[in-house]
Amino acid sequence: MSIIDTIKANPRLKEFALWAMMPKNQARPRLWVKLFMNPLKHKKGKNSRICRHTRMDVMPFNNFCLGDNSTIEDFCTVNNGVGDVLIGDRTRIGMSNVIIGPVTIGNDVMLAQNIVLSGLNHGYEDISIVPHNQPVTKKIIVVEDEVWVGANSIIVAGVRIGKHSVIAGGSVVTKDVPRYTVVAGNPARVVKQYNNVSGLWEKV
């Protein structure tokens, strides 16, 4: 059994390790984790940029990867506390986005502004326990290559967005989106799809 497995299996050791890596009731890593552990664990591709005012709540016990020639703009929050955050090549994460793992984003993806992708949900069912003390559930969000997500959209846990699809601004995506599809609304519904026979984007 590895050291990590040993820590995870022992509640007291796990609690101590989490305290050592982040302040109580906060998602941010401690300074020593940022400076010494994260650079060894996480990957940032060639010519990629994480802007100065981005909040990187990334921990060494899960993965974070930013591909080549990709950018995370200012005022974003990236959190891998409960699952990996993996971002591909030539992808732009627009200003003020929130990405909470587990999330996988492909190549050549455009995320506009104020978008939320959260692969976790908090438990609430037990009314004798406050929600933040209840177990979380997680389901990976997958955004395939060449997707464009409009501003102020929300993508919920467990959703897969197919290649070269478009999410209209202000949409709430609660179900998988097929490839080459435009969706809009709350909840998001299909409004256009690409027809391989006609070579046109057709209304549905």
Protein backbone atom coordinates (compact mmCIF):
# COMPACT_ATOMS: atom_id res chain seq x y z
CA MET A 1 0.00 0.00 0.00
CA SER A 2 1.39 3.42 -0.99
CA ILE A 3 1.73 6.36 1.40
CA ILE A 4 -1.20 8.09 -0.28
CA ASP A 5 -3.41 5.01 0.08
CA THR A 6 -2.40 4.72 3.75
CA ILE A 7 -3.36 8.35 4.41
CA LYS A 8 -6.69 7.98 2.59
CA ALA A 9 -7.53 4.84 4.56
CA ASN A 10 -6.89 6.47 7.95
CA PRO A 11 -9.40 9.25 8.83
CA ARG A 12 -7.06 10.95 11.31
CA LEU A 13 -4.11 10.94 8.93
CA LYS A 14 -6.35 12.19 6.14
CA GLU A 15 -7.68 15.04 8.30
CA PHE A 16 -4.13 16.03 9.28
CA ALA A 17 -2.88 15.91 5.69
CA LEU A 18 -5.75 18.11 4.49
CA TRP A 19 -5.10 20.59 7.32
CA ALA A 20 -1.42 20.71 6.37
CA MET A 21 -2.24 21.44 2.73
CA MET A 22 -5.11 23.94 3.09
CA PRO A 23 -6.51 26.16 5.86
CA LYS A 24 -9.65 24.91 7.59
CA ASN A 25 -12.90 25.76 5.80
CA GLN A 26 -11.03 27.01 2.73
CA ALA A 27 -10.42 25.49 -0.68
CA ARG A 28 -7.14 27.31 -1.27
CA PRO A 29 -3.82 25.49 -0.96
CA ARG A 30 -1.30 26.76 1.57
CA LEU A 31 1.65 28.76 0.21
CA TRP A 32 4.12 25.89 0.61
CA VAL A 33 1.86 23.65 -1.48
CA LYS A 34 1.68 26.29 -4.24
CA LEU A 35 5.42 26.84 -4.27
CA PHE A 36 6.85 23.37 -3.76
CA MET A 37 4.29 20.62 -4.42
CA ASN A 38 2.06 21.85 -7.23
CA PRO A 39 4.90 22.65 -9.67
CA LEU A 40 6.08 19.04 -9.37
CA LYS A 41 2.60 17.55 -9.83
CA HIS A 42 0.78 19.78 -12.32
CA LYS A 43 1.52 20.42 -15.99
CA LYS A 44 1.42 23.66 -17.97
CA GLY A 45 2.02 23.37 -21.71
CA LYS A 46 4.30 25.32 -24.00
CA ASN A 47 3.23 28.95 -24.62
CA SER A 48 0.28 28.57 -22.23
CA ARG A 49 -0.72 31.30 -19.82
CA ILE A 50 -2.56 31.47 -16.52
CA CYS A 51 -3.32 35.16 -15.98
CA ARG A 52 -2.23 36.93 -12.83
CA HIS A 53 -5.65 37.34 -11.21
CA THR A 54 -6.76 33.74 -11.66
CA ARG A 55 -7.55 31.83 -8.47
CA MET A 56 -5.90 28.41 -8.75
CA ASP A 57 -7.36 26.23 -5.99
CA VAL A 58 -5.46 23.18 -7.18
CA MET A 59 -4.15 20.51 -4.86
CA PRO A 60 -1.43 17.89 -5.43
CA PHE A 61 -3.66 14.89 -4.67
CA ASN A 62 -5.57 15.38 -7.96
CA ASN A 63 -4.36 16.34 -11.43
CA PHE A 64 -4.34 19.68 -13.20
CA CYS A 65 -3.10 20.04 -16.76
CA LEU A 66 -3.18 22.99 -19.18
CA GLY A 67 -2.22 22.11 -22.75
CA ASP A 68 -0.02 23.97 -25.23
CA ASN A 69 -0.98 27.48 -26.39
CA SER A 70 -3.95 27.67 -24.01
CA THR A 71 -5.03 30.55 -21.75
CA ILE A 72 -6.95 30.91 -18.50
CA GLU A 73 -8.05 34.53 -18.25
CA ASP A 74 -8.21 36.78 -15.18
CA PHE A 75 -10.76 36.31 -12.38
CA CYS A 76 -11.32 32.61 -13.11
CA THR A 77 -11.40 29.98 -10.37
CA VAL A 78 -10.05 26.49 -11.02
CA ASN A 79 -10.59 23.84 -8.35
CA ASN A 80 -9.45 20.21 -8.52
CA GLY A 81 -10.21 19.36 -4.90
CA VAL A 82 -12.58 16.48 -5.68
CA GLY A 83 -11.53 15.64 -9.26
CA ASP A 84 -9.00 16.26 -12.02
CA VAL A 85 -9.17 19.38 -14.21
CA LEU A 86 -7.65 18.65 -17.62
CA ILE A 87 -7.59 21.32 -20.35
CA GLY A 88 -6.35 20.68 -23.89
CA ASP A 89 -4.35 22.61 -26.47
CA ARG A 90 -5.27 25.98 -28.02
CA THR A 91 -8.17 26.39 -25.59
CA ARG A 92 -9.25 29.71 -24.12
CA ILE A 93 -10.98 29.91 -20.74
CA GLY A 94 -12.64 33.36 -20.69
CA MET A 95 -12.78 35.85 -17.84
CA SER A 96 -14.56 34.94 -14.60
CA ASN A 97 -15.16 31.27 -15.42
CA VAL A 98 -15.48 28.73 -12.59
CA ILE A 99 -14.21 25.21 -13.27
CA ILE A 100 -14.64 22.63 -10.50
CA GLY A 101 -13.44 19.11 -11.27
CA PRO A 102 -13.80 16.48 -12.37
CA VAL A 103 -13.75 18.30 -15.72
CA THR A 104 -12.04 17.44 -19.00
CA ILE A 105 -11.92 20.11 -21.71
CA GLY A 106 -10.59 19.27 -25.17
CA ASN A 107 -8.58 21.10 -27.81
CA ASP A 108 -9.60 24.32 -29.59
CA VAL A 109 -12.40 25.03 -27.11
CA MET A 110 -13.72 28.56 -26.51
CA LEU A 111 -15.36 29.39 -23.18
CA ALA A 112 -16.72 32.94 -23.07
CA GLN A 113 -17.25 34.86 -19.80
CA ASN A 114 -18.94 33.97 -16.48
CA ILE A 115 -19.39 30.26 -17.25
CA VAL A 116 -19.68 27.62 -14.52
CA LEU A 117 -18.68 23.98 -14.99
CA SER A 118 -19.01 21.99 -11.78
CA GLY A 119 -18.47 18.25 -11.60
CA LEU A 120 -19.58 18.06 -7.96
CA ASN A 121 -22.78 18.43 -5.98
CA HIS A 122 -23.21 18.82 -2.23
CA GLY A 123 -25.44 16.45 -0.31
CA TYR A 124 -28.49 17.93 1.40
CA GLU A 125 -30.80 14.98 2.13
CA ASP A 126 -30.05 14.61 5.86
CA ILE A 127 -31.77 17.60 7.48
CA SER A 128 -29.89 17.08 10.76
CA ILE A 129 -26.55 17.90 9.07
CA VAL A 130 -25.67 21.17 7.36
CA PRO A 131 -25.09 20.66 3.61
CA HIS A 132 -21.40 21.55 3.68
CA ASN A 133 -20.77 18.68 6.13
CA GLN A 134 -22.59 16.09 4.00
CA PRO A 135 -20.81 13.89 1.47
CA VAL A 136 -20.35 15.28 -2.03
CA THR A 137 -21.13 13.42 -5.23
CA LYS A 138 -19.13 13.87 -8.40
CA LYS A 139 -19.65 13.11 -12.09
CA ILE A 140 -17.18 14.13 -14.75
CA ILE A 141 -18.01 16.89 -17.24
CA VAL A 142 -16.49 16.31 -20.69
CA VAL A 143 -16.23 19.11 -23.24
CA GLU A 144 -15.00 17.66 -26.52
CA ASP A 145 -12.84 19.45 -29.12
CA GLU A 146 -13.90 22.64 -30.93
CA VAL A 147 -16.81 23.48 -28.62
CA TRP A 148 -17.92 27.10 -28.15
CA VAL A 149 -19.74 27.95 -24.92
CA GLY A 150 -21.50 31.32 -24.73
CA ALA A 151 -21.32 33.72 -21.80
CA ASN A 152 -23.21 33.12 -18.53
CA SER A 153 -23.85 29.43 -19.25
CA ILE A 154 -23.92 26.65 -16.66
CA ILE A 155 -22.90 23.06 -17.34
CA VAL A 156 -23.89 20.62 -14.62
CA ALA A 157 -22.15 17.47 -13.37
CA GLY A 158 -22.13 14.43 -15.63
CA VAL A 159 -22.75 16.24 -18.93
CA ARG A 160 -20.82 15.52 -22.13
CA ILE A 161 -20.74 18.17 -24.86
CA GLY A 162 -19.96 16.74 -28.29
CA LYS A 163 -17.37 17.96 -30.77
CA HIS A 164 -17.91 21.30 -32.59
CA SER A 165 -21.10 22.06 -30.68
CA VAL A 166 -22.29 25.50 -29.59
CA ILE A 167 -23.89 26.39 -26.26
CA ALA A 168 -25.83 29.65 -26.60
CA GLY A 169 -25.22 32.34 -24.01
CA GLY A 170 -27.20 31.96 -20.78
CA SER A 171 -27.94 28.27 -21.29
CA VAL A 172 -28.20 25.72 -18.48
CA VAL A 173 -26.97 22.40 -19.84
CA THR A 174 -28.43 19.46 -17.91
CA LYS A 175 -28.16 16.72 -20.57
CA ASP A 176 -25.55 15.48 -23.03
CA VAL A 177 -25.18 17.51 -26.23
CA PRO A 178 -24.59 15.55 -29.47
CA ARG A 179 -21.75 16.47 -31.80
CA TYR A 180 -22.32 19.32 -34.28
CA THR A 181 -25.32 20.67 -32.39
CA VAL A 182 -26.46 24.10 -31.18
CA VAL A 183 -28.39 24.22 -27.90
CA ALA A 184 -30.02 27.13 -26.08
CA GLY A 185 -32.25 27.86 -23.09
CA ASN A 186 -32.92 26.74 -19.54
CA PRO A 187 -32.87 23.81 -19.62
CA ALA A 188 -30.88 23.80 -22.86
CA ARG A 189 -32.65 22.30 -25.88
CA VAL A 190 -31.43 21.47 -29.37
CA VAL A 191 -32.14 24.30 -31.83
CA LYS A 192 -29.84 23.40 -34.75
CA GLN A 193 -27.83 20.42 -36.00
CA TYR A 194 -25.38 20.00 -38.84
CA ASN A 195 -26.72 17.84 -41.70
CA ASN A 196 -23.93 15.86 -43.33
CA VAL A 197 -26.05 15.31 -46.46
CA SER A 198 -26.99 18.93 -47.15
CA GLY A 199 -23.85 20.40 -45.63
CA LEU A 200 -25.99 22.92 -43.72
CA TRP A 201 -26.82 23.77 -40.12
CA GLU A 202 -30.55 23.08 -39.94
CA LYS A 203 -33.15 24.14 -37.38
CA VAL A 204 -34.70 21.37 -35.33
